[in-house]
Amino acid sequence: MINDSPIKKVKTCFFCTNNINEIDYKDAALLRKFVNSYLKILPKKRTGVCSWHQRKLAVAVKRARIMALLPFNDSQR
């Protein structure tokens, strides 16, 4: 008998496992891990970040964009 259900990997929050409470908007290298190639913020379903940190992450990415640490869009393509 073939089992058609895929094995789902349990995702854990990157920030909770590393004991990071505050997400710094000046850390552009960390923030780039949570945006896609079009520089849009990835959903928590894709990254595995908890709801509390996802909201903090969104605020940090938006602040980094305003401070020109991250671009608003990928216009260099």
Protein backbone atom coordinates (compact mmCIF):
# COMPACT_ATOMS: atom_id res chain seq x y z
CA MET A 1 0.00 0.00 0.00
CA ILE A 2 1.41 3.38 -1.01
CA ASN A 3 1.23 6.24 1.45
CA ASP A 4 0.43 9.39 -0.56
CA SER A 5 0.65 11.79 2.36
CA PRO A 6 3.92 13.74 2.38
CA ILE A 7 5.96 13.84 5.53
CA LYS A 8 5.63 17.32 6.97
CA LYS A 9 8.65 18.80 8.66
CA VAL A 10 7.82 20.68 11.84
CA LYS A 11 9.20 24.19 11.50
CA THR A 12 10.47 25.95 14.57
CA CYS A 13 10.82 29.67 14.97
CA PHE A 14 14.36 30.82 14.12
CA PHE A 15 14.20 33.64 16.66
CA CYS A 16 12.77 31.54 19.50
CA THR A 17 15.36 28.79 19.07
CA ASN A 18 18.22 31.33 19.05
CA ASN A 19 16.69 33.26 21.97
CA ILE A 20 16.39 36.51 19.99
CA ASN A 21 13.70 38.77 21.46
CA GLU A 22 14.30 41.99 19.54
CA ILE A 23 14.83 41.97 15.77
CA ASP A 24 17.26 44.72 14.79
CA TYR A 25 16.33 46.57 11.60
CA LYS A 26 20.01 47.43 11.06
CA ASP A 27 20.92 43.75 10.56
CA ALA A 28 20.22 43.63 6.82
CA ALA A 29 21.92 40.25 6.35
CA LEU A 30 19.49 38.60 8.77
CA LEU A 31 16.48 40.36 7.27
CA ARG A 32 17.41 39.22 3.75
CA LYS A 33 16.82 35.61 4.85
CA PHE A 34 13.15 36.41 5.34
CA VAL A 35 12.44 38.19 2.03
CA ASN A 36 12.14 36.54 -1.38
CA SER A 37 13.96 37.39 -4.60
CA TYR A 38 11.45 40.19 -5.27
CA LEU A 39 12.22 41.55 -1.76
CA LYS A 40 8.73 40.81 -0.46
CA ILE A 41 8.37 39.60 3.12
CA LEU A 42 7.90 35.83 3.19
CA PRO A 43 4.86 34.45 5.04
CA LYS A 44 5.28 32.67 8.35
CA LYS A 45 4.05 29.44 6.78
CA ARG A 46 7.13 29.45 4.56
CA THR A 47 9.71 30.59 7.11
CA GLY A 48 8.35 28.86 10.20
CA VAL A 49 8.57 32.00 12.33
CA CYS A 50 6.00 32.33 15.14
CA SER A 51 3.28 34.99 14.96
CA TRP A 52 4.88 37.29 17.52
CA HIS A 53 8.24 37.32 15.75
CA GLN A 54 6.59 37.57 12.30
CA ARG A 55 5.02 40.88 13.33
CA LYS A 56 8.36 42.11 14.72
CA LEU A 57 10.08 40.94 11.53
CA ALA A 58 7.63 42.83 9.31
CA VAL A 59 8.20 46.05 11.27
CA ALA A 60 11.99 45.57 11.10
CA VAL A 61 11.93 45.00 7.33
CA LYS A 62 9.75 48.07 6.81
CA ARG A 63 12.07 50.20 8.95
CA ALA A 64 15.11 48.90 7.07
CA ARG A 65 13.45 49.86 3.79
CA ILE A 66 12.76 53.39 5.01
CA MET A 67 16.36 53.74 6.23
CA ALA A 68 17.57 52.49 2.79
CA LEU A 69 19.23 49.38 4.23
CA LEU A 70 16.92 47.21 2.11
CA PRO A 71 15.42 48.32 -1.19
CA PHE A 72 11.65 48.56 -1.60
CA ASN A 73 11.72 46.53 -4.81
CA ASP A 74 14.19 44.76 -7.05
CA SER A 75 14.53 47.33 -9.81
CA GLN A 76 18.05 46.16 -10.72
CA ARG A 77 16.74 43.11 -12.67
